[in-house]
Amino acid sequence: MDLSGLTVAELRTLQDQVKQALKDREHQEQVKAREQILAIAQGAGISLQDLFGAQSRGKTTTSKAKVAVRYRHPSDSLLQWTGRGRQPKWVQDWVASGNSLDTIRV
């Protein structure tokens, strides 16, 4: 396909048409793949629930454990930090004032 003779407007129109055609084709392939998977599962006598478990409903089977608090502000017990990630502002201020993290360790 020779595109050198097309104007900018024609090229942009063609670009939009290609984007839409790709989107439509991808959707058709997903539908086809889903139908094939369903047919295979039904042929084997397996439900999608059994095949994928909780993941087929968008839920995960693992839960994240809550991380224990490692540092607590001495005068305000609501200010806590697990020691993971960036230091909160109150911890930065604590260290900047010359205090040690060991003094607020839980």
PDB file of N, CA and C in Angstrom:
ATOM      1  N   MET A   1       0.843  -1.163   0.000  1.00  0.00           N
ATOM      2  CA  MET A   1       0.000   0.000   0.000  1.00  0.00           C
ATOM      3  C   MET A   1       0.896   1.236   0.000  1.00  0.00           C
ATOM      4  N   ASP A   2       0.766   2.067  -0.979  1.00  0.00           N
ATOM      5  CA  ASP A   2       1.564   3.279  -1.103  1.00  0.00           C
ATOM      6  C   ASP A   2       0.833   4.424  -0.419  1.00  0.00           C
ATOM      7  N   LEU A   3       1.432   4.966   0.638  1.00  0.00           N
ATOM      8  CA  LEU A   3       0.813   6.037   1.405  1.00  0.00           C
ATOM      9  C   LEU A   3       1.348   7.415   1.040  1.00  0.00           C
ATOM     10  N   SER A   4       2.329   7.469   0.153  1.00  0.00           N
ATOM     11  CA  SER A   4       2.978   8.732  -0.170  1.00  0.00           C
ATOM     12  C   SER A   4       2.056   9.725  -0.874  1.00  0.00           C
ATOM     13  N   GLY A   5       1.014   9.259  -1.514  1.00  0.00           N
ATOM     14  CA  GLY A   5       0.115  10.161  -2.234  1.00  0.00           C
ATOM     15  C   GLY A   5      -1.024  10.692  -1.381  1.00  0.00           C
ATOM     16  N   LEU A   6      -1.122  10.260  -0.118  1.00  0.00           N
ATOM     17  CA  LEU A   6      -2.223  10.684   0.732  1.00  0.00           C
ATOM     18  C   LEU A   6      -1.900  11.984   1.455  1.00  0.00           C
ATOM     19  N   THR A   7      -2.942  12.774   1.704  1.00  0.00           N
ATOM     20  CA  THR A   7      -2.770  14.011   2.461  1.00  0.00           C
ATOM     21  C   THR A   7      -2.707  13.672   3.954  1.00  0.00           C
ATOM     22  N   VAL A   8      -2.348  14.669   4.743  1.00  0.00           N
ATOM     23  CA  VAL A   8      -2.271  14.475   6.189  1.00  0.00           C
ATOM     24  C   VAL A   8      -3.645  14.094   6.742  1.00  0.00           C
ATOM     25  N   ALA A   9      -4.681  14.752   6.269  1.00  0.00           N
ATOM     26  CA  ALA A   9      -6.038  14.454   6.738  1.00  0.00           C
ATOM     27  C   ALA A   9      -6.428  13.022   6.375  1.00  0.00           C
ATOM     28  N   GLU A  10      -6.081  12.589   5.183  1.00  0.00           N
ATOM     29  CA  GLU A  10      -6.395  11.217   4.763  1.00  0.00           C
ATOM     30  C   GLU A  10      -5.604  10.195   5.587  1.00  0.00           C
ATOM     31  N   LEU A  11      -4.344  10.525   5.894  1.00  0.00           N
ATOM     32  CA  LEU A  11      -3.533   9.631   6.721  1.00  0.00           C
ATOM     33  C   LEU A  11      -4.092   9.510   8.138  1.00  0.00           C
ATOM     34  N   ARG A  12      -4.567  10.628   8.685  1.00  0.00           N
ATOM     35  CA  ARG A  12      -5.158  10.592  10.028  1.00  0.00           C
ATOM     36  C   ARG A  12      -6.462   9.800  10.021  1.00  0.00           C
ATOM     37  N   THR A  13      -7.247   9.936   8.988  1.00  0.00           N
ATOM     38  CA  THR A  13      -8.477   9.155   8.867  1.00  0.00           C
ATOM     39  C   THR A  13      -8.141   7.679   8.782  1.00  0.00           C
ATOM     40  N   LEU A  14      -7.143   7.357   7.981  1.00  0.00           N
ATOM     41  CA  LEU A  14      -6.703   5.971   7.854  1.00  0.00           C
ATOM     42  C   LEU A  14      -6.184   5.442   9.197  1.00  0.00           C
ATOM     43  N   GLN A  15      -5.459   6.279   9.916  1.00  0.00           N
ATOM     44  CA  GLN A  15      -4.938   5.890  11.220  1.00  0.00           C
ATOM     45  C   GLN A  15      -6.087   5.570  12.183  1.00  0.00           C
ATOM     46  N   ASP A  16      -7.110   6.412  12.190  1.00  0.00           N
ATOM     47  CA  ASP A  16      -8.275   6.168  13.054  1.00  0.00           C
ATOM     48  C   ASP A  16      -8.981   4.876  12.667  1.00  0.00           C
ATOM     49  N   GLN A  17      -9.084   4.628  11.377  1.00  0.00           N
ATOM     50  CA  GLN A  17      -9.732   3.407  10.910  1.00  0.00           C
ATOM     51  C   GLN A  17      -8.938   2.169  11.319  1.00  0.00           C
ATOM     52  N   VAL A  18      -7.609   2.274  11.263  1.00  0.00           N
ATOM     53  CA  VAL A  18      -6.749   1.146  11.655  1.00  0.00           C
ATOM     54  C   VAL A  18      -6.894   0.883  13.150  1.00  0.00           C
ATOM     55  N   LYS A  19      -6.903   1.944  13.965  1.00  0.00           N
ATOM     56  CA  LYS A  19      -7.070   1.779  15.408  1.00  0.00           C
ATOM     57  C   LYS A  19      -8.389   1.083  15.721  1.00  0.00           C
ATOM     58  N   GLN A  20      -9.461   1.505  15.068  1.00  0.00           N
ATOM     59  CA  GLN A  20     -10.768   0.904  15.320  1.00  0.00           C
ATOM     60  C   GLN A  20     -10.802  -0.543  14.834  1.00  0.00           C
ATOM     61  N   ALA A  21     -10.189  -0.819  13.688  1.00  0.00           N
ATOM     62  CA  ALA A  21     -10.160  -2.181  13.162  1.00  0.00           C
ATOM     63  C   ALA A  21      -9.379  -3.097  14.103  1.00  0.00           C
ATOM     64  N   LEU A  22      -8.266  -2.601  14.653  1.00  0.00           N
ATOM     65  CA  LEU A  22      -7.489  -3.388  15.612  1.00  0.00           C
ATOM     66  C   LEU A  22      -8.296  -3.673  16.879  1.00  0.00           C
ATOM     67  N   LYS A  23      -8.980  -2.670  17.353  1.00  0.00           N
ATOM     68  CA  LYS A  23      -9.796  -2.827  18.555  1.00  0.00           C
ATOM     69  C   LYS A  23     -10.890  -3.866  18.322  1.00  0.00           C
ATOM     70  N   ASP A  24     -11.565  -3.774  17.173  1.00  0.00           N
ATOM     71  CA  ASP A  24     -12.626  -4.728  16.845  1.00  0.00           C
ATOM     72  C   ASP A  24     -12.075  -6.143  16.699  1.00  0.00           C
ATOM     73  N   ARG A  25     -10.937  -6.282  16.026  1.00  0.00           N
ATOM     74  CA  ARG A  25     -10.338  -7.595  15.806  1.00  0.00           C
ATOM     75  C   ARG A  25      -9.911  -8.231  17.122  1.00  0.00           C
ATOM     76  N   GLU A  26      -9.310  -7.429  18.021  1.00  0.00           N
ATOM     77  CA  GLU A  26      -8.896  -7.948  19.324  1.00  0.00           C
ATOM     78  C   GLU A  26     -10.105  -8.424  20.125  1.00  0.00           C
ATOM     79  N   HIS A  27     -11.189  -7.669  20.063  1.00  0.00           N
ATOM     80  CA  HIS A  27     -12.407  -8.066  20.769  1.00  0.00           C
ATOM     81  C   HIS A  27     -12.962  -9.375  20.199  1.00  0.00           C
ATOM     82  N   GLN A  28     -12.976  -9.495  18.887  1.00  0.00           N
ATOM     83  CA  GLN A  28     -13.465 -10.724  18.249  1.00  0.00           C
ATOM     84  C   GLN A  28     -12.619 -11.923  18.669  1.00  0.00           C
ATOM     85  N   GLU A  29     -11.301 -11.745  18.725  1.00  0.00           N
ATOM     86  CA  GLU A  29     -10.414 -12.842  19.111  1.00  0.00           C
ATOM     87  C   GLU A  29     -10.605 -13.229  20.571  1.00  0.00           C
ATOM     88  N   GLN A  30     -10.861 -12.255  21.432  1.00  0.00           N
ATOM     89  CA  GLN A  30     -11.127 -12.561  22.837  1.00  0.00           C
ATOM     90  C   GLN A  30     -12.422 -13.349  22.988  1.00  0.00           C
ATOM     91  N   VAL A  31     -13.451 -12.946  22.255  1.00  0.00           N
ATOM     92  CA  VAL A  31     -14.730 -13.657  22.309  1.00  0.00           C
ATOM     93  C   VAL A  31     -14.545 -15.085  21.812  1.00  0.00           C
ATOM     94  N   LYS A  32     -13.826 -15.246  20.715  1.00  0.00           N
ATOM     95  CA  LYS A  32     -13.575 -16.575  20.153  1.00  0.00           C
ATOM     96  C   LYS A  32     -12.792 -17.447  21.132  1.00  0.00           C
ATOM     97  N   ALA A  33     -11.772 -16.885  21.749  1.00  0.00           N
ATOM     98  CA  ALA A  33     -10.966 -17.638  22.713  1.00  0.00           C
ATOM     99  C   ALA A  33     -11.800 -18.034  23.917  1.00  0.00           C
ATOM    100  N   ARG A  34     -12.641 -17.129  24.395  1.00  0.00           N
ATOM    101  CA  ARG A  34     -13.507 -17.421  25.531  1.00  0.00           C
ATOM    102  C   ARG A  34     -14.454 -18.573  25.197  1.00  0.00           C
ATOM    103  N   GLU A  35     -15.023 -18.546  23.999  1.00  0.00           N
ATOM    104  CA  GLU A  35     -15.929 -19.615  23.574  1.00  0.00           C
ATOM    105  C   GLU A  35     -15.199 -20.954  23.485  1.00  0.00           C
ATOM    106  N   GLN A  36     -13.969 -20.927  22.978  1.00  0.00           N
ATOM    107  CA  GLN A  36     -13.188 -22.158  22.885  1.00  0.00           C
ATOM    108  C   GLN A  36     -12.869 -22.713  24.272  1.00  0.00           C
ATOM    109  N   ILE A  37     -12.510 -21.851  25.178  1.00  0.00           N
ATOM    110  CA  ILE A  37     -12.203 -22.289  26.540  1.00  0.00           C
ATOM    111  C   ILE A  37     -13.436 -22.885  27.203  1.00  0.00           C
ATOM    112  N   LEU A  38     -14.587 -22.230  27.026  1.00  0.00           N
ATOM    113  CA  LEU A  38     -15.835 -22.754  27.585  1.00  0.00           C
ATOM    114  C   LEU A  38     -16.169 -24.120  27.002  1.00  0.00           C
ATOM    115  N   ALA A  39     -15.988 -24.260  25.695  1.00  0.00           N
ATOM    116  CA  ALA A  39     -16.290 -25.538  25.045  1.00  0.00           C
ATOM    117  C   ALA A  39     -15.377 -26.648  25.558  1.00  0.00           C
ATOM    118  N   ILE A  40     -14.113 -26.360  25.714  1.00  0.00           N
ATOM    119  CA  ILE A  40     -13.171 -27.363  26.229  1.00  0.00           C
ATOM    120  C   ILE A  40     -13.543 -27.753  27.653  1.00  0.00           C
ATOM    121  N   ALA A  41     -13.839 -26.759  28.499  1.00  0.00           N
ATOM    122  CA  ALA A  41     -14.190 -27.033  29.887  1.00  0.00           C
ATOM    123  C   ALA A  41     -15.480 -27.843  29.970  1.00  0.00           C
ATOM    124  N   GLN A  42     -16.477 -27.470  29.177  1.00  0.00           N
ATOM    125  CA  GLN A  42     -17.742 -28.208  29.193  1.00  0.00           C
ATOM    126  C   GLN A  42     -17.554 -29.627  28.688  1.00  0.00           C
ATOM    127  N   GLY A  43     -16.715 -29.789  27.669  1.00  0.00           N
ATOM    128  CA  GLY A  43     -16.441 -31.115  27.135  1.00  0.00           C
ATOM    129  C   GLY A  43     -15.761 -32.017  28.158  1.00  0.00           C
ATOM    130  N   ALA A  44     -14.977 -31.410  29.041  1.00  0.00           N
ATOM    131  CA  ALA A  44     -14.294 -32.175  30.082  1.00  0.00           C
ATOM    132  C   ALA A  44     -15.143 -32.289  31.346  1.00  0.00           C
ATOM    133  N   GLY A  45     -16.305 -31.644  31.336  1.00  0.00           N
ATOM    134  CA  GLY A  45     -17.182 -31.696  32.496  1.00  0.00           C
ATOM    135  C   GLY A  45     -16.701 -30.845  33.652  1.00  0.00           C
ATOM    136  N   ILE A  46     -15.989 -29.791  33.343  1.00  0.00           N
ATOM    137  CA  ILE A  46     -15.440 -28.911  34.377  1.00  0.00           C
ATOM    138  C   ILE A  46     -16.103 -27.542  34.251  1.00  0.00           C
ATOM    139  N   SER A  47     -16.569 -27.024  35.383  1.00  0.00           N
ATOM    140  CA  SER A  47     -17.139 -25.682  35.361  1.00  0.00           C
ATOM    141  C   SER A  47     -16.007 -24.663  35.443  1.00  0.00           C
ATOM    142  N   LEU A  48     -16.278 -23.447  35.007  1.00  0.00           N
ATOM    143  CA  LEU A  48     -15.261 -22.394  35.102  1.00  0.00           C
ATOM    144  C   LEU A  48     -14.935 -22.099  36.554  1.00  0.00           C
ATOM    145  N   GLN A  49     -15.912 -22.261  37.434  1.00  0.00           N
ATOM    146  CA  GLN A  49     -15.677 -22.081  38.867  1.00  0.00           C
ATOM    147  C   GLN A  49     -14.602 -23.048  39.349  1.00  0.00           C
ATOM    148  N   ASP A  50     -14.716 -24.311  38.933  1.00  0.00           N
ATOM    149  CA  ASP A  50     -13.725 -25.308  39.323  1.00  0.00           C
ATOM    150  C   ASP A  50     -12.388 -25.057  38.636  1.00  0.00           C
ATOM    151  N   LEU A  51     -12.453 -24.603  37.400  1.00  0.00           N
ATOM    152  CA  LEU A  51     -11.240 -24.398  36.626  1.00  0.00           C
ATOM    153  C   LEU A  51     -10.395 -23.248  37.161  1.00  0.00           C
ATOM    154  N   PHE A  52     -11.050 -22.137  37.475  1.00  0.00           N
ATOM    155  CA  PHE A  52     -10.319 -20.950  37.896  1.00  0.00           C
ATOM    156  C   PHE A  52     -10.485 -20.623  39.369  1.00  0.00           C
ATOM    157  N   GLY A  53     -11.409 -21.231  40.046  1.00  0.00           N
ATOM    158  CA  GLY A  53     -11.627 -20.960  41.464  1.00  0.00           C
ATOM    159  C   GLY A  53     -12.102 -19.544  41.675  1.00  0.00           C
ATOM    160  N   ALA A  54     -11.652 -18.928  42.741  1.00  0.00           N
ATOM    161  CA  ALA A  54     -12.084 -17.572  43.092  1.00  0.00           C
ATOM    162  C   ALA A  54     -11.588 -16.539  42.093  1.00  0.00           C
ATOM    163  N   GLN A  55     -10.552 -16.865  41.336  1.00  0.00           N
ATOM    164  CA  GLN A  55     -10.002 -15.893  40.391  1.00  0.00           C
ATOM    165  C   GLN A  55     -10.986 -15.572  39.281  1.00  0.00           C
ATOM    166  N   SER A  56     -11.892 -16.482  38.948  1.00  0.00           N
ATOM    167  CA  SER A  56     -12.842 -16.202  37.880  1.00  0.00           C
ATOM    168  C   SER A  56     -13.829 -15.116  38.279  1.00  0.00           C
ATOM    169  N   ARG A  57     -13.951 -14.858  39.585  1.00  0.00           N
ATOM    170  CA  ARG A  57     -14.830 -13.798  40.061  1.00  0.00           C
ATOM    171  C   ARG A  57     -14.055 -12.527  40.370  1.00  0.00           C
ATOM    172  N   GLY A  58     -12.770 -12.533  40.079  1.00  0.00           N
ATOM    173  CA  GLY A  58     -11.957 -11.349  40.312  1.00  0.00           C
ATOM    174  C   GLY A  58     -11.443 -11.240  41.730  1.00  0.00           C
ATOM    175  N   LYS A  59     -11.613 -12.285  42.547  1.00  0.00           N
ATOM    176  CA  LYS A  59     -11.137 -12.258  43.922  1.00  0.00           C
ATOM    177  C   LYS A  59      -9.844 -13.051  44.020  1.00  0.00           C
ATOM    178  N   THR A  60      -9.035 -12.650  44.936  1.00  0.00           N
ATOM    179  CA  THR A  60      -7.801 -13.390  45.159  1.00  0.00           C
ATOM    180  C   THR A  60      -7.987 -14.294  46.368  1.00  0.00           C
ATOM    181  N   THR A  61      -7.272 -15.381  46.380  1.00  0.00           N
ATOM    182  CA  THR A  61      -7.402 -16.333  47.472  1.00  0.00           C
ATOM    183  C   THR A  61      -6.430 -16.043  48.598  1.00  0.00           C
ATOM    184  N   THR A  62      -5.463 -15.171  48.346  1.00  0.00           N
ATOM    185  CA  THR A  62      -4.510 -14.834  49.386  1.00  0.00           C
ATOM    186  C   THR A  62      -4.878 -13.494  49.992  1.00  0.00           C
ATOM    187  N   SER A  63      -4.662 -13.358  51.274  1.00  0.00           N
ATOM    188  CA  SER A  63      -4.908 -12.079  51.922  1.00  0.00           C
ATOM    189  C   SER A  63      -3.585 -11.564  52.458  1.00  0.00           C
ATOM    190  N   LYS A  64      -3.466 -10.271  52.471  1.00  0.00           N
ATOM    191  CA  LYS A  64      -2.230  -9.663  52.946  1.00  0.00           C
ATOM    192  C   LYS A  64      -2.278  -9.562  54.464  1.00  0.00           C
ATOM    193  N   ALA A  65      -1.213 -10.006  55.075  1.00  0.00           N
ATOM    194  CA  ALA A  65      -1.113  -9.908  56.519  1.00  0.00           C
ATOM    195  C   ALA A  65      -0.744  -8.484  56.897  1.00  0.00           C
ATOM    196  N   LYS A  66      -1.319  -8.019  57.988  1.00  0.00           N
ATOM    197  CA  LYS A  66      -1.021  -6.676  58.452  1.00  0.00           C
ATOM    198  C   LYS A  66       0.373  -6.670  59.075  1.00  0.00           C
ATOM    199  N   VAL A  67       1.140  -5.645  58.756  1.00  0.00           N
ATOM    200  CA  VAL A  67       2.502  -5.529  59.244  1.00  0.00           C
ATOM    201  C   VAL A  67       2.480  -4.874  60.622  1.00  0.00           C
ATOM    202  N   ALA A  68       3.255  -5.417  61.522  1.00  0.00           N
ATOM    203  CA  ALA A  68       3.306  -4.885  62.885  1.00  0.00           C
ATOM    204  C   ALA A  68       3.991  -3.528  62.915  1.00  0.00           C
ATOM    205  N   VAL A  69       3.536  -2.704  63.842  1.00  0.00           N
ATOM    206  CA  VAL A  69       4.119  -1.377  64.031  1.00  0.00           C
ATOM    207  C   VAL A  69       5.469  -1.539  64.716  1.00  0.00           C
ATOM    208  N   ARG A  70       6.478  -0.839  64.215  1.00  0.00           N
ATOM    209  CA  ARG A  70       7.815  -0.900  64.812  1.00  0.00           C
ATOM    210  C   ARG A  70       8.168   0.374  65.566  1.00  0.00           C
ATOM    211  N   TYR A  71       7.595   1.490  65.125  1.00  0.00           N
ATOM    212  CA  TYR A  71       7.930   2.769  65.741  1.00  0.00           C
ATOM    213  C   TYR A  71       6.645   3.511  66.096  1.00  0.00           C
ATOM    214  N   ARG A  72       6.651   4.141  67.285  1.00  0.00           N
ATOM    215  CA  ARG A  72       5.482   4.887  67.739  1.00  0.00           C
ATOM    216  C   ARG A  72       5.969   6.179  68.385  1.00  0.00           C
ATOM    217  N   HIS A  73       5.288   7.272  68.067  1.00  0.00           N
ATOM    218  CA  HIS A  73       5.643   8.570  68.634  1.00  0.00           C
ATOM    219  C   HIS A  73       5.404   8.525  70.144  1.00  0.00           C
ATOM    220  N   PRO A  74       6.342   9.048  70.946  1.00  0.00           N
ATOM    221  CA  PRO A  74       6.212   8.928  72.398  1.00  0.00           C
ATOM    222  C   PRO A  74       5.043   9.708  72.999  1.00  0.00           C
ATOM    223  N   SER A  75       4.658  10.822  72.399  1.00  0.00           N
ATOM    224  CA  SER A  75       3.579  11.615  72.985  1.00  0.00           C
ATOM    225  C   SER A  75       2.242  11.464  72.248  1.00  0.00           C
ATOM    226  N   ASP A  76       2.261  10.948  71.040  1.00  0.00           N
ATOM    227  CA  ASP A  76       1.022  10.750  70.275  1.00  0.00           C
ATOM    228  C   ASP A  76       1.009   9.327  69.733  1.00  0.00           C
ATOM    229  N   SER A  77       0.290   8.445  70.399  1.00  0.00           N
ATOM    230  CA  SER A  77       0.307   7.024  70.025  1.00  0.00           C
ATOM    231  C   SER A  77      -0.364   6.750  68.678  1.00  0.00           C
ATOM    232  N   LEU A  78      -1.086   7.726  68.135  1.00  0.00           N
ATOM    233  CA  LEU A  78      -1.697   7.539  66.814  1.00  0.00           C
ATOM    234  C   LEU A  78      -0.661   7.618  65.696  1.00  0.00           C
ATOM    235  N   LEU A  79       0.463   8.252  65.972  1.00  0.00           N
ATOM    236  CA  LEU A  79       1.537   8.350  64.979  1.00  0.00           C
ATOM    237  C   LEU A  79       2.390   7.098  65.069  1.00  0.00           C
ATOM    238  N   GLN A  80       2.246   6.244  64.051  1.00  0.00           N
ATOM    239  CA  GLN A  80       2.938   4.960  64.037  1.00  0.00           C
ATOM    240  C   GLN A  80       3.579   4.748  62.682  1.00  0.00           C
ATOM    241  N   TRP A  81       4.588   3.868  62.660  1.00  0.00           N
ATOM    242  CA  TRP A  81       5.267   3.524  61.409  1.00  0.00           C
ATOM    243  C   TRP A  81       5.746   2.092  61.500  1.00  0.00           C
ATOM    244  N   THR A  82       5.574   1.350  60.426  1.00  0.00           N
ATOM    245  CA  THR A  82       5.969  -0.057  60.396  1.00  0.00           C
ATOM    246  C   THR A  82       7.456  -0.235  60.127  1.00  0.00           C
ATOM    247  N   GLY A  83       8.116   0.805  59.689  1.00  0.00           N
ATOM    248  CA  GLY A  83       9.520   0.706  59.339  1.00  0.00           C
ATOM    249  C   GLY A  83       9.721   0.373  57.873  1.00  0.00           C
ATOM    250  N   ARG A  84       8.628   0.249  57.150  1.00  0.00           N
ATOM    251  CA  ARG A  84       8.692  -0.039  55.711  1.00  0.00           C
ATOM    252  C   ARG A  84       8.376   1.223  54.921  1.00  0.00           C
ATOM    253  N   GLY A  85       8.959   1.299  53.753  1.00  0.00           N
ATOM    254  CA  GLY A  85       8.682   2.443  52.883  1.00  0.00           C
ATOM    255  C   GLY A  85       9.365   3.706  53.384  1.00  0.00           C
ATOM    256  N   ARG A  86       8.890   4.825  52.863  1.00  0.00           N
ATOM    257  CA  ARG A  86       9.471   6.113  53.239  1.00  0.00           C
ATOM    258  C   ARG A  86       9.113   6.458  54.669  1.00  0.00           C
ATOM    259  N   GLN A  87      10.023   7.151  55.310  1.00  0.00           N
ATOM    260  CA  GLN A  87       9.769   7.586  56.682  1.00  0.00           C
ATOM    261  C   GLN A  87       8.691   8.669  56.671  1.00  0.00           C
ATOM    262  N   PRO A  88       7.727   8.557  57.582  1.00  0.00           N
ATOM    263  CA  PRO A  88       6.733   9.627  57.695  1.00  0.00           C
ATOM    264  C   PRO A  88       7.398  10.923  58.165  1.00  0.00           C
ATOM    265  N   LYS A  89       6.706  12.011  57.982  1.00  0.00           N
ATOM    266  CA  LYS A  89       7.243  13.325  58.337  1.00  0.00           C
ATOM    267  C   LYS A  89       7.615  13.387  59.809  1.00  0.00           C
ATOM    268  N   TRP A  90       6.778  12.809  60.670  1.00  0.00           N
ATOM    269  CA  TRP A  90       7.072  12.892  62.103  1.00  0.00           C
ATOM    270  C   TRP A  90       8.359  12.128  62.453  1.00  0.00           C
ATOM    271  N   VAL A  91       8.662  11.047  61.735  1.00  0.00           N
ATOM    272  CA  VAL A  91       9.898  10.293  61.971  1.00  0.00           C
ATOM    273  C   VAL A  91      11.085  11.108  61.470  1.00  0.00           C
ATOM    274  N   GLN A  92      10.944  11.722  60.308  1.00  0.00           N
ATOM    275  CA  GLN A  92      12.016  12.565  59.771  1.00  0.00           C
ATOM    276  C   GLN A  92      12.320  13.705  60.740  1.00  0.00           C
ATOM    277  N   ASP A  93      11.266  14.328  61.273  1.00  0.00           N
ATOM    278  CA  ASP A  93      11.455  15.424  62.233  1.00  0.00           C
ATOM    279  C   ASP A  93      12.130  14.919  63.506  1.00  0.00           C
ATOM    280  N   TRP A  94      11.743  13.735  63.952  1.00  0.00           N
ATOM    281  CA  TRP A  94      12.314  13.126  65.154  1.00  0.00           C
ATOM    282  C   TRP A  94      13.828  12.925  64.995  1.00  0.00           C
ATOM    283  N   VAL A  95      14.207  12.344  63.861  1.00  0.00           N
ATOM    284  CA  VAL A  95      15.630  12.084  63.604  1.00  0.00           C
ATOM    285  C   VAL A  95      16.392  13.391  63.395  1.00  0.00           C
ATOM    286  N   ALA A  96      15.774  14.353  62.693  1.00  0.00           N
ATOM    287  CA  ALA A  96      16.431  15.632  62.423  1.00  0.00           C
ATOM    288  C   ALA A  96      16.689  16.415  63.707  1.00  0.00           C
ATOM    289  N   SER A  97      15.866  16.178  64.727  1.00  0.00           N
ATOM    290  CA  SER A  97      16.058  16.905  65.992  1.00  0.00           C
ATOM    291  C   SER A  97      17.131  16.262  66.862  1.00  0.00           C
ATOM    292  N   GLY A  98      17.788  15.219  66.339  1.00  0.00           N
ATOM    293  CA  GLY A  98      18.904  14.614  67.046  1.00  0.00           C
ATOM    294  C   GLY A  98      18.536  13.383  67.856  1.00  0.00           C
ATOM    295  N   ASN A  99      17.282  12.953  67.777  1.00  0.00           N
ATOM    296  CA  ASN A  99      16.849  11.761  68.514  1.00  0.00           C
ATOM    297  C   ASN A  99      17.127  10.499  67.708  1.00  0.00           C
ATOM    298  N   SER A 100      17.196   9.394  68.394  1.00  0.00           N
ATOM    299  CA  SER A 100      17.477   8.115  67.740  1.00  0.00           C
ATOM    300  C   SER A 100      16.177   7.352  67.497  1.00  0.00           C
ATOM    301  N   LEU A 101      16.152   6.582  66.414  1.00  0.00           N
ATOM    302  CA  LEU A 101      14.993   5.732  66.128  1.00  0.00           C
ATOM    303  C   LEU A 101      14.810   4.664  67.202  1.00  0.00           C
ATOM    304  N   ASP A 102      15.908   4.267  67.814  1.00  0.00           N
ATOM    305  CA  ASP A 102      15.842   3.236  68.851  1.00  0.00           C
ATOM    306  C   ASP A 102      14.986   3.668  70.046  1.00  0.00           C
ATOM    307  N   THR A 103      14.922   4.974  70.288  1.00  0.00           N
ATOM    308  CA  THR A 103      14.156   5.449  71.437  1.00  0.00           C
ATOM    309  C   THR A 103      12.649   5.355  71.217  1.00  0.00           C
ATOM    310  N   ILE A 104      12.200   5.288  69.977  1.00  0.00           N
ATOM    311  CA  ILE A 104      10.755   5.188  69.710  1.00  0.00           C
ATOM    312  C   ILE A 104      10.367   3.800  69.175  1.00  0.00           C
ATOM    313  N   ARG A 105      11.327   2.871  69.186  1.00  0.00           N
ATOM    314  CA  ARG A 105      11.034   1.507  68.724  1.00  0.00           C
ATOM    315  C   ARG A 105      10.087   0.847  69.719  1.00  0.00           C
ATOM    316  N   VAL A 106       9.093   0.146  69.188  1.00  0.00           N
ATOM    317  CA  VAL A 106       8.099  -0.534  70.013  1.00  0.00           C
ATOM    318  C   VAL A 106       8.635  -1.884  70.444  1.00  0.00           C
TER     319      VAL A 106
END
